[in-house]
PDB file of N, CA and C in Angstrom:
ATOM      1  N   UNK A   1     -56.746-108.822 150.252  1.00  0.00           N
ATOM      2  CA  UNK A   1     -57.860-109.593 149.736  1.00  0.00           C
ATOM      3  C   UNK A   1     -58.958-108.599 149.724  1.00  0.00           C
ATOM      4  N   UNK A   2     -59.732-108.683 148.506  1.00  0.00           N
ATOM      5  CA  UNK A   2     -60.714-107.954 148.084  1.00  0.00           C
ATOM      6  C   UNK A   2     -61.996-108.169 148.932  1.00  0.00           C
ATOM      7  N   UNK A   3     -62.831-107.394 149.376  1.00  0.00           N
ATOM      8  CA  UNK A   3     -64.083-107.748 149.977  1.00  0.00           C
ATOM      9  C   UNK A   3     -65.212-107.169 149.142  1.00  0.00           C
ATOM     10  N   UNK A   4     -66.129-108.300 148.896  1.00  0.00           N
ATOM     11  CA  UNK A   4     -67.336-107.893 148.177  1.00  0.00           C
ATOM     12  C   UNK A   4     -68.522-107.817 149.225  1.00  0.00           C
ATOM     13  N   UNK A   5     -69.729-107.382 148.804  1.00  0.00           N
ATOM     14  CA  UNK A   5     -70.805-107.317 149.722  1.00  0.00           C
ATOM     15  C   UNK A   5     -70.968-108.458 150.536  1.00  0.00           C
ATOM     16  N   UNK A   6     -71.070-109.688 150.025  1.00  0.00           N
ATOM     17  CA  UNK A   6     -71.304-110.934 150.924  1.00  0.00           C
ATOM     18  C   UNK A   6     -70.248-111.139 151.843  1.00  0.00           C
ATOM     19  N   UNK A   7     -69.116-110.840 151.457  1.00  0.00           N
ATOM     20  CA  UNK A   7     -67.891-111.123 152.341  1.00  0.00           C
ATOM     21  C   UNK A   7     -67.838-110.162 153.434  1.00  0.00           C
ATOM     22  N   UNK A   8     -68.226-108.766 153.130  1.00  0.00           N
ATOM     23  CA  UNK A   8     -68.319-107.821 154.074  1.00  0.00           C
ATOM     24  C   UNK A   8     -69.475-108.143 155.136  1.00  0.00           C
ATOM     25  N   UNK A   9     -70.686-108.568 154.588  1.00  0.00           N
ATOM     26  CA  UNK A   9     -71.657-108.901 155.516  1.00  0.00           C
ATOM     27  C   UNK A   9     -71.206-110.170 156.449  1.00  0.00           C
ATOM     28  N   UNK A  10     -70.542-111.100 155.873  1.00  0.00           N
ATOM     29  CA  UNK A  10     -69.996-112.205 156.541  1.00  0.00           C
ATOM     30  C   UNK A  10     -69.120-111.892 157.681  1.00  0.00           C
ATOM     31  N   UNK A  11     -68.136-110.910 157.267  1.00  0.00           N
ATOM     32  CA  UNK A  11     -67.188-110.399 158.403  1.00  0.00           C
ATOM     33  C   UNK A  11     -68.024-109.698 159.536  1.00  0.00           C
ATOM     34  N   UNK A  12     -69.006-108.915 159.035  1.00  0.00           N
ATOM     35  CA  UNK A  12     -69.834-108.137 160.060  1.00  0.00           C
ATOM     36  C   UNK A  12     -70.523-109.177 161.049  1.00  0.00           C
ATOM     37  N   UNK A  13     -70.921-110.306 160.446  1.00  0.00           N
ATOM     38  CA  UNK A  13     -71.789-111.331 161.348  1.00  0.00           C
ATOM     39  C   UNK A  13     -70.657-112.043 162.121  1.00  0.00           C
ATOM     40  N   UNK A  14     -69.502-112.102 161.749  1.00  0.00           N
ATOM     41  CA  UNK A  14     -68.489-112.837 162.606  1.00  0.00           C
ATOM     42  C   UNK A  14     -68.166-111.889 163.738  1.00  0.00           C
ATOM     43  N   UNK A  15     -68.026-110.632 163.471  1.00  0.00           N
ATOM     44  CA  UNK A  15     -67.721-109.759 164.493  1.00  0.00           C
ATOM     45  C   UNK A  15     -68.751-109.569 165.668  1.00  0.00           C
ATOM     46  N   UNK A  16     -70.027-109.574 165.182  1.00  0.00           N
ATOM     47  CA  UNK A  16     -71.103-109.157 165.881  1.00  0.00           C
ATOM     48  C   UNK A  16     -71.630-110.404 166.627  1.00  0.00           C
ATOM     49  N   UNK A  17     -71.917-111.491 165.757  1.00  0.00           N
ATOM     50  CA  UNK A  17     -72.565-112.654 166.224  1.00  0.00           C
ATOM     51  C   UNK A  17     -71.598-113.768 166.435  1.00  0.00           C
ATOM     52  N   UNK A  18     -70.420-113.810 166.007  1.00  0.00           N
ATOM     53  CA  UNK A  18     -69.526-114.954 166.064  1.00  0.00           C
ATOM     54  C   UNK A  18     -69.736-115.979 165.062  1.00  0.00           C
ATOM     55  N   UNK A  19     -70.263-115.643 164.096  1.00  0.00           N
ATOM     56  CA  UNK A  19     -70.707-116.644 163.006  1.00  0.00           C
ATOM     57  C   UNK A  19     -69.432-116.837 162.061  1.00  0.00           C
ATOM     58  N   UNK A  20     -68.978-117.990 161.965  1.00  0.00           N
ATOM     59  CA  UNK A  20     -67.911-118.194 160.986  1.00  0.00           C
ATOM     60  C   UNK A  20     -68.132-117.785 159.595  1.00  0.00           C
ATOM     61  N   UNK A  21     -67.397-117.080 159.020  1.00  0.00           N
ATOM     62  CA  UNK A  21     -67.650-116.620 157.614  1.00  0.00           C
ATOM     63  C   UNK A  21     -67.123-117.737 156.749  1.00  0.00           C
ATOM     64  N   UNK A  22     -67.664-118.918 156.621  1.00  0.00           N
ATOM     65  CA  UNK A  22     -67.381-120.016 155.789  1.00  0.00           C
ATOM     66  C   UNK A  22     -68.141-119.865 154.588  1.00  0.00           C
ATOM     67  N   UNK A  23     -67.599-120.708 153.638  1.00  0.00           N
ATOM     68  CA  UNK A  23     -68.212-120.775 152.245  1.00  0.00           C
ATOM     69  C   UNK A  23     -69.823-120.977 152.128  1.00  0.00           C
ATOM     70  N   UNK A  24     -70.191-121.828 153.081  1.00  0.00           N
ATOM     71  CA  UNK A  24     -71.768-122.051 153.156  1.00  0.00           C
ATOM     72  C   UNK A  24     -72.448-120.689 153.551  1.00  0.00           C
ATOM     73  N   UNK A  25     -71.924-119.867 154.549  1.00  0.00           N
ATOM     74  CA  UNK A  25     -72.511-118.669 155.051  1.00  0.00           C
ATOM     75  C   UNK A  25     -72.476-117.620 153.780  1.00  0.00           C
ATOM     76  N   UNK A  26     -71.303-117.648 153.074  1.00  0.00           N
ATOM     77  CA  UNK A  26     -71.298-116.834 151.883  1.00  0.00           C
ATOM     78  C   UNK A  26     -72.380-117.238 150.759  1.00  0.00           C
ATOM     79  N   UNK A  27     -72.456-118.479 150.613  1.00  0.00           N
ATOM     80  CA  UNK A  27     -73.432-118.957 149.507  1.00  0.00           C
ATOM     81  C   UNK A  27     -74.857-118.534 149.975  1.00  0.00           C
ATOM     82  N   UNK A  28     -75.187-118.774 151.202  1.00  0.00           N
ATOM     83  CA  UNK A  28     -76.509-118.413 151.761  1.00  0.00           C
ATOM     84  C   UNK A  28     -76.821-116.922 151.616  1.00  0.00           C
ATOM     85  N   UNK A  29     -75.632-116.045 152.018  1.00  0.00           N
ATOM     86  CA  UNK A  29     -75.967-114.653 151.852  1.00  0.00           C
ATOM     87  C   UNK A  29     -75.986-114.268 150.417  1.00  0.00           C
ATOM     88  N   UNK A  30     -75.319-114.725 149.574  1.00  0.00           N
ATOM     89  CA  UNK A  30     -75.463-114.304 148.051  1.00  0.00           C
ATOM     90  C   UNK A  30     -76.900-114.891 147.556  1.00  0.00           C
ATOM     91  N   UNK A  31     -77.304-115.971 148.000  1.00  0.00           N
ATOM     92  CA  UNK A  31     -78.701-116.260 147.564  1.00  0.00           C
ATOM     93  C   UNK A  31     -79.607-115.382 148.149  1.00  0.00           C
ATOM     94  N   UNK A  32     -79.502-115.041 149.482  1.00  0.00           N
ATOM     95  CA  UNK A  32     -80.472-114.121 150.138  1.00  0.00           C
ATOM     96  C   UNK A  32     -80.545-112.765 149.511  1.00  0.00           C
ATOM     97  N   UNK A  33     -79.326-112.245 149.046  1.00  0.00           N
ATOM     98  CA  UNK A  33     -79.090-110.884 148.564  1.00  0.00           C
ATOM     99  C   UNK A  33     -79.885-111.010 147.113  1.00  0.00           C
ATOM    100  N   UNK A  34     -79.367-112.146 146.451  1.00  0.00           N
ATOM    101  CA  UNK A  34     -80.049-112.288 144.998  1.00  0.00           C
ATOM    102  C   UNK A  34     -81.529-112.227 144.997  1.00  0.00           C
ATOM    103  N   UNK A  35     -82.124-113.115 146.000  1.00  0.00           N
ATOM    104  CA  UNK A  35     -83.606-113.137 146.025  1.00  0.00           C
ATOM    105  C   UNK A  35     -84.213-111.800 146.325  1.00  0.00           C
ATOM    106  N   UNK A  36     -83.675-111.023 147.167  1.00  0.00           N
ATOM    107  CA  UNK A  36     -84.231-109.730 147.584  1.00  0.00           C
ATOM    108  C   UNK A  36     -84.060-108.790 146.372  1.00  0.00           C
ATOM    109  N   UNK A  37     -82.877-108.726 145.560  1.00  0.00           N
ATOM    110  CA  UNK A  37     -82.872-107.918 144.594  1.00  0.00           C
ATOM    111  C   UNK A  37     -83.663-108.402 143.415  1.00  0.00           C
ATOM    112  N   UNK A  38     -83.904-109.621 142.987  1.00  0.00           N
ATOM    113  CA  UNK A  38     -84.897-110.300 142.133  1.00  0.00           C
ATOM    114  C   UNK A  38     -86.190-109.838 142.290  1.00  0.00           C
ATOM    115  N   UNK A  39     -86.638-110.142 143.712  1.00  0.00           N
ATOM    116  CA  UNK A  39     -88.022-109.600 143.988  1.00  0.00           C
ATOM    117  C   UNK A  39     -88.377-108.223 143.948  1.00  0.00           C
ATOM    118  N   UNK A  40     -87.363-107.417 144.234  1.00  0.00           N
ATOM    119  CA  UNK A  40     -87.462-105.943 144.135  1.00  0.00           C
ATOM    120  C   UNK A  40     -87.702-105.616 142.623  1.00  0.00           C
ATOM    121  N   UNK A  41     -86.864-106.166 141.817  1.00  0.00           N
ATOM    122  CA  UNK A  41     -86.856-105.941 140.485  1.00  0.00           C
ATOM    123  C   UNK A  41     -88.154-106.443 139.690  1.00  0.00           C
ATOM    124  N   UNK A  42     -88.772-107.468 140.149  1.00  0.00           N
ATOM    125  CA  UNK A  42     -89.892-108.223 139.676  1.00  0.00           C
ATOM    126  C   UNK A  42     -91.111-107.310 140.112  1.00  0.00           C
ATOM    127  N   UNK A  43     -91.099-106.684 141.158  1.00  0.00           N
ATOM    128  CA  UNK A  43     -92.090-105.713 141.608  1.00  0.00           C
ATOM    129  C   UNK A  43     -92.131-104.442 141.014  1.00  0.00           C
ATOM    130  N   UNK A  44     -91.013-104.183 140.277  1.00  0.00           N
ATOM    131  CA  UNK A  44     -90.955-102.929 139.570  1.00  0.00           C
ATOM    132  C   UNK A  44     -90.458-101.682 140.461  1.00  0.00           C
ATOM    133  N   UNK A  45     -90.371-100.620 139.723  1.00  0.00           N
ATOM    134  CA  UNK A  45     -89.936 -99.326 140.295  1.00  0.00           C
ATOM    135  C   UNK A  45     -90.765 -98.768 141.464  1.00  0.00           C
ATOM    136  N   UNK A  46     -91.988 -98.849 141.143  1.00  0.00           N
ATOM    137  CA  UNK A  46     -93.123 -98.227 142.075  1.00  0.00           C
ATOM    138  C   UNK A  46     -93.253 -99.036 143.328  1.00  0.00           C
ATOM    139  N   UNK A  47     -93.138-100.308 143.180  1.00  0.00           N
ATOM    140  CA  UNK A  47     -93.377-101.122 144.585  1.00  0.00           C
ATOM    141  C   UNK A  47     -92.068-101.743 145.087  1.00  0.00           C
ATOM    142  N   UNK A  48     -91.475-102.492 144.134  1.00  0.00           N
ATOM    143  CA  UNK A  48     -90.175-102.968 144.784  1.00  0.00           C
ATOM    144  C   UNK A  48     -89.071-102.200 145.023  1.00  0.00           C
ATOM    145  N   UNK A  49     -88.530-101.417 144.061  1.00  0.00           N
ATOM    146  CA  UNK A  49     -87.265-100.539 144.342  1.00  0.00           C
ATOM    147  C   UNK A  49     -87.603 -99.361 145.150  1.00  0.00           C
ATOM    148  N   UNK A  50     -88.774 -98.906 145.135  1.00  0.00           N
ATOM    149  CA  UNK A  50     -89.270 -97.742 145.929  1.00  0.00           C
ATOM    150  C   UNK A  50     -89.277 -98.266 147.376  1.00  0.00           C
ATOM    151  N   UNK A  51     -89.842 -99.541 147.604  1.00  0.00           N
ATOM    152  CA  UNK A  51     -89.757 -99.993 148.973  1.00  0.00           C
ATOM    153  C   UNK A  51     -88.422-100.284 149.683  1.00  0.00           C
ATOM    154  N   UNK A  52     -87.600-100.755 148.861  1.00  0.00           N
ATOM    155  CA  UNK A  52     -86.154-101.066 149.276  1.00  0.00           C
ATOM    156  C   UNK A  52     -85.597 -99.597 149.648  1.00  0.00           C
ATOM    157  N   UNK A  53     -85.716 -98.557 148.673  1.00  0.00           N
ATOM    158  CA  UNK A  53     -85.154 -97.313 148.972  1.00  0.00           C
ATOM    159  C   UNK A  53     -85.801 -96.676 150.349  1.00  0.00           C
ATOM    160  N   UNK A  54     -87.023 -96.978 150.541  1.00  0.00           N
ATOM    161  CA  UNK A  54     -87.638 -96.243 151.861  1.00  0.00           C
ATOM    162  C   UNK A  54     -86.951 -97.065 152.921  1.00  0.00           C
ATOM    163  N   UNK A  55     -87.026 -98.421 152.923  1.00  0.00           N
ATOM    164  CA  UNK A  55     -86.286 -99.349 153.957  1.00  0.00           C
ATOM    165  C   UNK A  55     -84.948 -98.790 154.247  1.00  0.00           C
ATOM    166  N   UNK A  56     -84.213 -98.527 153.212  1.00  0.00           N
ATOM    167  CA  UNK A  56     -82.780 -98.100 153.278  1.00  0.00           C
ATOM    168  C   UNK A  56     -82.722 -96.573 154.011  1.00  0.00           C
ATOM    169  N   UNK A  57     -83.703 -95.780 153.804  1.00  0.00           N
ATOM    170  CA  UNK A  57     -83.687 -94.503 154.309  1.00  0.00           C
ATOM    171  C   UNK A  57     -84.019 -94.548 155.811  1.00  0.00           C
ATOM    172  N   UNK A  58     -84.949 -95.421 156.110  1.00  0.00           N
ATOM    173  CA  UNK A  58     -85.543 -95.575 157.569  1.00  0.00           C
ATOM    174  C   UNK A  58     -84.332 -96.274 158.378  1.00  0.00           C
ATOM    175  N   UNK A  59     -83.638 -97.160 157.751  1.00  0.00           N
ATOM    176  CA  UNK A  59     -82.496 -97.770 158.540  1.00  0.00           C
ATOM    177  C   UNK A  59     -81.265 -96.725 158.585  1.00  0.00           C
ATOM    178  N   UNK A  60     -81.122 -95.853 157.713  1.00  0.00           N
ATOM    179  CA  UNK A  60     -80.059 -94.820 157.800  1.00  0.00           C
ATOM    180  C   UNK A  60     -80.449 -93.858 158.958  1.00  0.00           C
ATOM    181  N   UNK A  61     -81.644 -93.387 158.872  1.00  0.00           N
ATOM    182  CA  UNK A  61     -82.170 -92.559 159.959  1.00  0.00           C
ATOM    183  C   UNK A  61     -81.931 -93.116 161.291  1.00  0.00           C
ATOM    184  N   UNK A  62     -82.500 -94.428 161.379  1.00  0.00           N
ATOM    185  CA  UNK A  62     -82.341 -95.033 162.622  1.00  0.00           C
ATOM    186  C   UNK A  62     -80.915 -95.235 163.177  1.00  0.00           C
ATOM    187  N   UNK A  63     -79.831 -95.615 162.216  1.00  0.00           N
ATOM    188  CA  UNK A  63     -78.620 -95.672 162.600  1.00  0.00           C
ATOM    189  C   UNK A  63     -78.096 -94.210 163.027  1.00  0.00           C
ATOM    190  N   UNK A  64     -78.449 -93.317 162.262  1.00  0.00           N
ATOM    191  CA  UNK A  64     -78.031 -91.967 162.701  1.00  0.00           C
ATOM    192  C   UNK A  64     -78.386 -91.593 164.154  1.00  0.00           C
ATOM    193  N   UNK A  65     -79.743 -91.749 164.433  1.00  0.00           N
ATOM    194  CA  UNK A  65     -80.285 -91.437 165.773  1.00  0.00           C
ATOM    195  C   UNK A  65     -79.519 -92.219 166.788  1.00  0.00           C
ATOM    196  N   UNK A  66     -79.481 -93.673 166.504  1.00  0.00           N
ATOM    197  CA  UNK A  66     -78.678 -94.459 167.453  1.00  0.00           C
ATOM    198  C   UNK A  66     -77.372 -93.947 167.724  1.00  0.00           C
ATOM    199  N   UNK A  67     -76.541 -93.638 166.757  1.00  0.00           N
ATOM    200  CA  UNK A  67     -75.075 -93.208 166.902  1.00  0.00           C
ATOM    201  C   UNK A  67     -75.184 -91.822 167.749  1.00  0.00           C
ATOM    202  N   UNK A  68     -76.113 -90.961 167.358  1.00  0.00           N
ATOM    203  CA  UNK A  68     -76.189 -89.603 167.961  1.00  0.00           C
ATOM    204  C   UNK A  68     -76.415 -89.771 169.502  1.00  0.00           C
ATOM    205  N   UNK A  69     -77.368 -90.707 169.934  1.00  0.00           N
ATOM    206  CA  UNK A  69     -77.602 -90.735 171.278  1.00  0.00           C
ATOM    207  C   UNK A  69     -76.634 -91.590 172.068  1.00  0.00           C
ATOM    208  N   UNK A  70     -76.105 -92.669 171.416  1.00  0.00           N
ATOM    209  CA  UNK A  70     -75.086 -93.463 172.185  1.00  0.00           C
ATOM    210  C   UNK A  70     -73.938 -92.721 172.312  1.00  0.00           C
ATOM    211  N   UNK A  71     -73.338 -91.969 171.414  1.00  0.00           N
ATOM    212  CA  UNK A  71     -72.084 -91.253 171.494  1.00  0.00           C
ATOM    213  C   UNK A  71     -72.292 -89.941 172.207  1.00  0.00           C
ATOM    214  N   UNK A  72     -73.502 -89.386 172.352  1.00  0.00           N
ATOM    215  CA  UNK A  72     -73.628 -88.122 173.031  1.00  0.00           C
ATOM    216  C   UNK A  72     -73.902 -87.063 171.910  1.00  0.00           C
ATOM    217  N   UNK A  73     -74.847 -86.136 171.846  1.00  0.00           N
ATOM    218  CA  UNK A  73     -75.069 -85.336 171.027  1.00  0.00           C
ATOM    219  C   UNK A  73     -73.771 -84.321 170.705  1.00  0.00           C
ATOM    220  N   UNK A  74     -73.208 -83.881 171.761  1.00  0.00           N
ATOM    221  CA  UNK A  74     -72.105 -82.929 171.423  1.00  0.00           C
ATOM    222  C   UNK A  74     -70.933 -83.573 170.969  1.00  0.00           C
ATOM    223  N   UNK A  75     -70.618 -84.745 171.434  1.00  0.00           N
ATOM    224  CA  UNK A  75     -69.532 -85.535 170.914  1.00  0.00           C
ATOM    225  C   UNK A  75     -69.638 -85.802 169.418  1.00  0.00           C
ATOM    226  N   UNK A  76     -70.898 -86.373 169.170  1.00  0.00           N
ATOM    227  CA  UNK A  76     -71.055 -86.655 167.645  1.00  0.00           C
ATOM    228  C   UNK A  76     -71.086 -85.486 166.805  1.00  0.00           C
ATOM    229  N   UNK A  77     -71.597 -84.411 167.145  1.00  0.00           N
ATOM    230  CA  UNK A  77     -71.565 -83.200 166.262  1.00  0.00           C
ATOM    231  C   UNK A  77     -70.055 -82.557 166.240  1.00  0.00           C
ATOM    232  N   UNK A  78     -69.448 -82.733 167.263  1.00  0.00           N
ATOM    233  CA  UNK A  78     -67.954 -82.331 167.410  1.00  0.00           C
ATOM    234  C   UNK A  78     -67.122 -83.204 166.349  1.00  0.00           C
ATOM    235  N   UNK A  79     -67.381 -84.541 166.366  1.00  0.00           N
ATOM    236  CA  UNK A  79     -66.622 -85.492 165.588  1.00  0.00           C
ATOM    237  C   UNK A  79     -67.025 -85.096 164.132  1.00  0.00           C
ATOM    238  N   UNK A  80     -68.296 -84.888 163.935  1.00  0.00           N
ATOM    239  CA  UNK A  80     -68.766 -84.674 162.542  1.00  0.00           C
ATOM    240  C   UNK A  80     -68.192 -83.432 161.878  1.00  0.00           C
ATOM    241  N   UNK A  81     -67.912 -82.365 162.750  1.00  0.00           N
ATOM    242  CA  UNK A  81     -67.401 -81.195 162.205  1.00  0.00           C
ATOM    243  C   UNK A  81     -65.914 -81.387 161.876  1.00  0.00           C
ATOM    244  N   UNK A  82     -65.236 -82.194 162.779  1.00  0.00           N
ATOM    245  CA  UNK A  82     -63.886 -82.349 162.549  1.00  0.00           C
ATOM    246  C   UNK A  82     -63.616 -83.310 161.430  1.00  0.00           C
ATOM    247  N   UNK A  83     -64.541 -84.274 161.065  1.00  0.00           N
ATOM    248  CA  UNK A  83     -64.348 -85.138 160.007  1.00  0.00           C
ATOM    249  C   UNK A  83     -64.556 -84.328 158.609  1.00  0.00           C
ATOM    250  N   UNK A  84     -65.533 -83.339 158.668  1.00  0.00           N
ATOM    251  CA  UNK A  84     -65.668 -82.571 157.489  1.00  0.00           C
ATOM    252  C   UNK A  84     -64.479 -81.611 157.219  1.00  0.00           C
ATOM    253  N   UNK A  85     -63.959 -81.137 158.174  1.00  0.00           N
ATOM    254  CA  UNK A  85     -62.645 -80.331 158.032  1.00  0.00           C
ATOM    255  C   UNK A  85     -61.598 -81.113 157.438  1.00  0.00           C
ATOM    256  N   UNK A  86     -61.313 -82.305 158.097  1.00  0.00           N
ATOM    257  CA  UNK A  86     -60.462 -83.237 157.506  1.00  0.00           C
ATOM    258  C   UNK A  86     -60.567 -83.731 156.088  1.00  0.00           C
ATOM    259  N   UNK A  87     -61.944 -84.049 155.786  1.00  0.00           N
ATOM    260  CA  UNK A  87     -62.247 -84.459 154.482  1.00  0.00           C
ATOM    261  C   UNK A  87     -61.790 -83.379 153.296  1.00  0.00           C
ATOM    262  N   UNK A  88     -62.266 -82.062 153.775  1.00  0.00           N
ATOM    263  CA  UNK A  88     -61.976 -81.019 152.801  1.00  0.00           C
ATOM    264  C   UNK A  88     -60.465 -80.761 152.653  1.00  0.00           C
ATOM    265  N   UNK A  89     -59.796 -80.994 153.596  1.00  0.00           N
ATOM    266  CA  UNK A  89     -58.384 -80.717 153.742  1.00  0.00           C
ATOM    267  C   UNK A  89     -57.508 -81.807 153.127  1.00  0.00           C
ATOM    268  N   UNK A  90     -58.032 -83.031 153.346  1.00  0.00           N
ATOM    269  CA  UNK A  90     -57.321 -84.100 152.794  1.00  0.00           C
ATOM    270  C   UNK A  90     -57.611 -84.661 151.350  1.00  0.00           C
ATOM    271  N   UNK A  91     -58.890 -84.233 150.857  1.00  0.00           N
ATOM    272  CA  UNK A  91     -59.449 -84.573 149.669  1.00  0.00           C
ATOM    273  C   UNK A  91     -58.445 -84.517 148.459  1.00  0.00           C
ATOM    274  N   UNK A  92     -57.872 -83.228 148.258  1.00  0.00           N
ATOM    275  CA  UNK A  92     -57.092 -83.125 147.033  1.00  0.00           C
ATOM    276  C   UNK A  92     -55.793 -84.035 147.116  1.00  0.00           C
ATOM    277  N   UNK A  93     -55.128 -84.113 148.166  1.00  0.00           N
ATOM    278  CA  UNK A  93     -54.033 -85.101 148.103  1.00  0.00           C
ATOM    279  C   UNK A  93     -54.471 -86.467 147.932  1.00  0.00           C
ATOM    280  N   UNK A  94     -55.427 -86.830 148.575  1.00  0.00           N
ATOM    281  CA  UNK A  94     -55.718 -88.285 148.302  1.00  0.00           C
ATOM    282  C   UNK A  94     -56.564 -88.790 147.251  1.00  0.00           C
ATOM    283  N   UNK A  95     -57.141 -87.822 146.569  1.00  0.00           N
ATOM    284  CA  UNK A  95     -57.693 -88.039 145.288  1.00  0.00           C
ATOM    285  C   UNK A  95     -56.883 -88.044 143.984  1.00  0.00           C
ATOM    286  N   UNK A  96     -55.652 -87.475 144.142  1.00  0.00           N
ATOM    287  CA  UNK A  96     -54.696 -87.226 142.954  1.00  0.00           C
ATOM    288  C   UNK A  96     -53.905 -88.387 142.903  1.00  0.00           C
ATOM    289  N   UNK A  97     -53.587 -88.929 141.659  1.00  0.00           N
ATOM    290  CA  UNK A  97     -52.669 -89.895 141.538  1.00  0.00           C
ATOM    291  C   UNK A  97     -51.263 -89.445 141.368  1.00  0.00           C
ATOM    292  N   UNK A  98     -51.021 -88.095 141.410  1.00  0.00           N
ATOM    293  CA  UNK A  98     -49.659 -87.553 141.195  1.00  0.00           C
ATOM    294  C   UNK A  98     -49.027 -87.322 142.418  1.00  0.00           C
ATOM    295  N   UNK A  99     -47.617 -87.441 142.733  1.00  0.00           N
ATOM    296  CA  UNK A  99     -46.969 -87.219 143.793  1.00  0.00           C
ATOM    297  C   UNK A  99     -47.351 -88.041 145.004  1.00  0.00           C
ATOM    298  N   UNK A 100     -47.770 -89.234 144.809  1.00  0.00           N
ATOM    299  CA  UNK A 100     -48.154 -90.173 145.832  1.00  0.00           C
ATOM    300  C   UNK A 100     -46.969 -91.107 146.012  1.00  0.00           C
ATOM    301  N   UNK A 101     -46.753 -91.525 147.256  1.00  0.00           N
ATOM    302  CA  UNK A 101     -45.654 -92.617 147.578  1.00  0.00           C
ATOM    303  C   UNK A 101     -46.189 -93.895 147.632  1.00  0.00           C
ATOM    304  N   UNK A 102     -47.456 -94.158 147.788  1.00  0.00           N
ATOM    305  CA  UNK A 102     -48.070 -95.366 147.951  1.00  0.00           C
ATOM    306  C   UNK A 102     -48.475 -95.884 146.550  1.00  0.00           C
ATOM    307  N   UNK A 103     -47.628 -96.887 145.777  1.00  0.00           N
ATOM    308  CA  UNK A 103     -48.027 -97.264 144.603  1.00  0.00           C
ATOM    309  C   UNK A 103     -49.344 -98.142 144.532  1.00  0.00           C
ATOM    310  N   UNK A 104     -49.800 -98.650 145.696  1.00  0.00           N
ATOM    311  CA  UNK A 104     -51.000 -99.407 145.721  1.00  0.00           C
ATOM    312  C   UNK A 104     -52.096 -98.594 145.155  1.00  0.00           C
ATOM    313  N   UNK A 105     -52.090 -97.301 145.274  1.00  0.00           N
ATOM    314  CA  UNK A 105     -53.325 -96.430 144.841  1.00  0.00           C
ATOM    315  C   UNK A 105     -53.274 -96.669 143.309  1.00  0.00           C
ATOM    316  N   UNK A 106     -52.180 -96.851 142.659  1.00  0.00           N
ATOM    317  CA  UNK A 106     -52.321 -97.095 141.167  1.00  0.00           C
ATOM    318  C   UNK A 106     -52.725 -98.472 140.700  1.00  0.00           C
ATOM    319  N   UNK A 107     -52.110 -99.425 141.570  1.00  0.00           N
ATOM    320  CA  UNK A 107     -52.271-100.710 141.117  1.00  0.00           C
ATOM    321  C   UNK A 107     -53.440-101.460 141.879  1.00  0.00           C
ATOM    322  N   UNK A 108     -53.968-100.931 142.850  1.00  0.00           N
ATOM    323  CA  UNK A 108     -54.918-101.510 143.598  1.00  0.00           C
ATOM    324  C   UNK A 108     -56.329-101.237 143.419  1.00  0.00           C
ATOM    325  N   UNK A 109     -56.945-100.705 144.379  1.00  0.00           N
ATOM    326  CA  UNK A 109     -58.444-100.661 144.196  1.00  0.00           C
ATOM    327  C   UNK A 109     -58.795 -99.845 142.988  1.00  0.00           C
ATOM    328  N   UNK A 110     -58.122 -98.828 142.487  1.00  0.00           N
ATOM    329  CA  UNK A 110     -58.581 -97.907 141.565  1.00  0.00           C
ATOM    330  C   UNK A 110     -58.876 -98.824 140.089  1.00  0.00           C
ATOM    331  N   UNK A 111     -57.912 -99.544 139.753  1.00  0.00           N
ATOM    332  CA  UNK A 111     -57.916-100.318 138.595  1.00  0.00           C
ATOM    333  C   UNK A 111     -59.004-101.417 138.765  1.00  0.00           C
ATOM    334  N   UNK A 112     -58.981-102.003 139.800  1.00  0.00           N
ATOM    335  CA  UNK A 112     -59.958-102.989 140.114  1.00  0.00           C
ATOM    336  C   UNK A 112     -61.432-102.364 139.919  1.00  0.00           C
ATOM    337  N   UNK A 113     -61.610-101.375 140.422  1.00  0.00           N
ATOM    338  CA  UNK A 113     -63.029-100.816 140.489  1.00  0.00           C
ATOM    339  C   UNK A 113     -63.382-100.218 138.939  1.00  0.00           C
ATOM    340  N   UNK A 114     -62.320 -99.820 138.394  1.00  0.00           N
ATOM    341  CA  UNK A 114     -62.515 -99.392 136.885  1.00  0.00           C
ATOM    342  C   UNK A 114     -63.004-100.552 136.018  1.00  0.00           C
ATOM    343  N   UNK A 115     -62.357-101.680 136.350  1.00  0.00           N
ATOM    344  CA  UNK A 115     -62.867-102.931 135.544  1.00  0.00           C
ATOM    345  C   UNK A 115     -64.222-103.280 135.888  1.00  0.00           C
ATOM    346  N   UNK A 116     -64.670-102.949 136.942  1.00  0.00           N
ATOM    347  CA  UNK A 116     -66.077-103.344 137.417  1.00  0.00           C
ATOM    348  C   UNK A 116     -67.081-102.449 136.752  1.00  0.00           C
TER     349      UNK A 116
END
């Protein structure tokens, strides 16, 4: 099943707060997301979009600091280093459509996102 933004948020709310991801929750999320996007666009690039970008960056830094301190600085930096090594090592094989055994790569998300 494909997960779009509202469905991902609903699933996250279900896990964190126990809110059932019903159709009503999805509709309310879509309305809320649409209103925020519409308001941002109506305010223009200097006020609306810029504010959303600044809020996004503040939230990203806050999340980074939270994860860093909750997992421990040494643990987080060690994991970060290992993930970067794994990313570089696995990127060529995972990004190539040739020589893959999983046919879902061809028929699944890649084609779906090309269509979007």
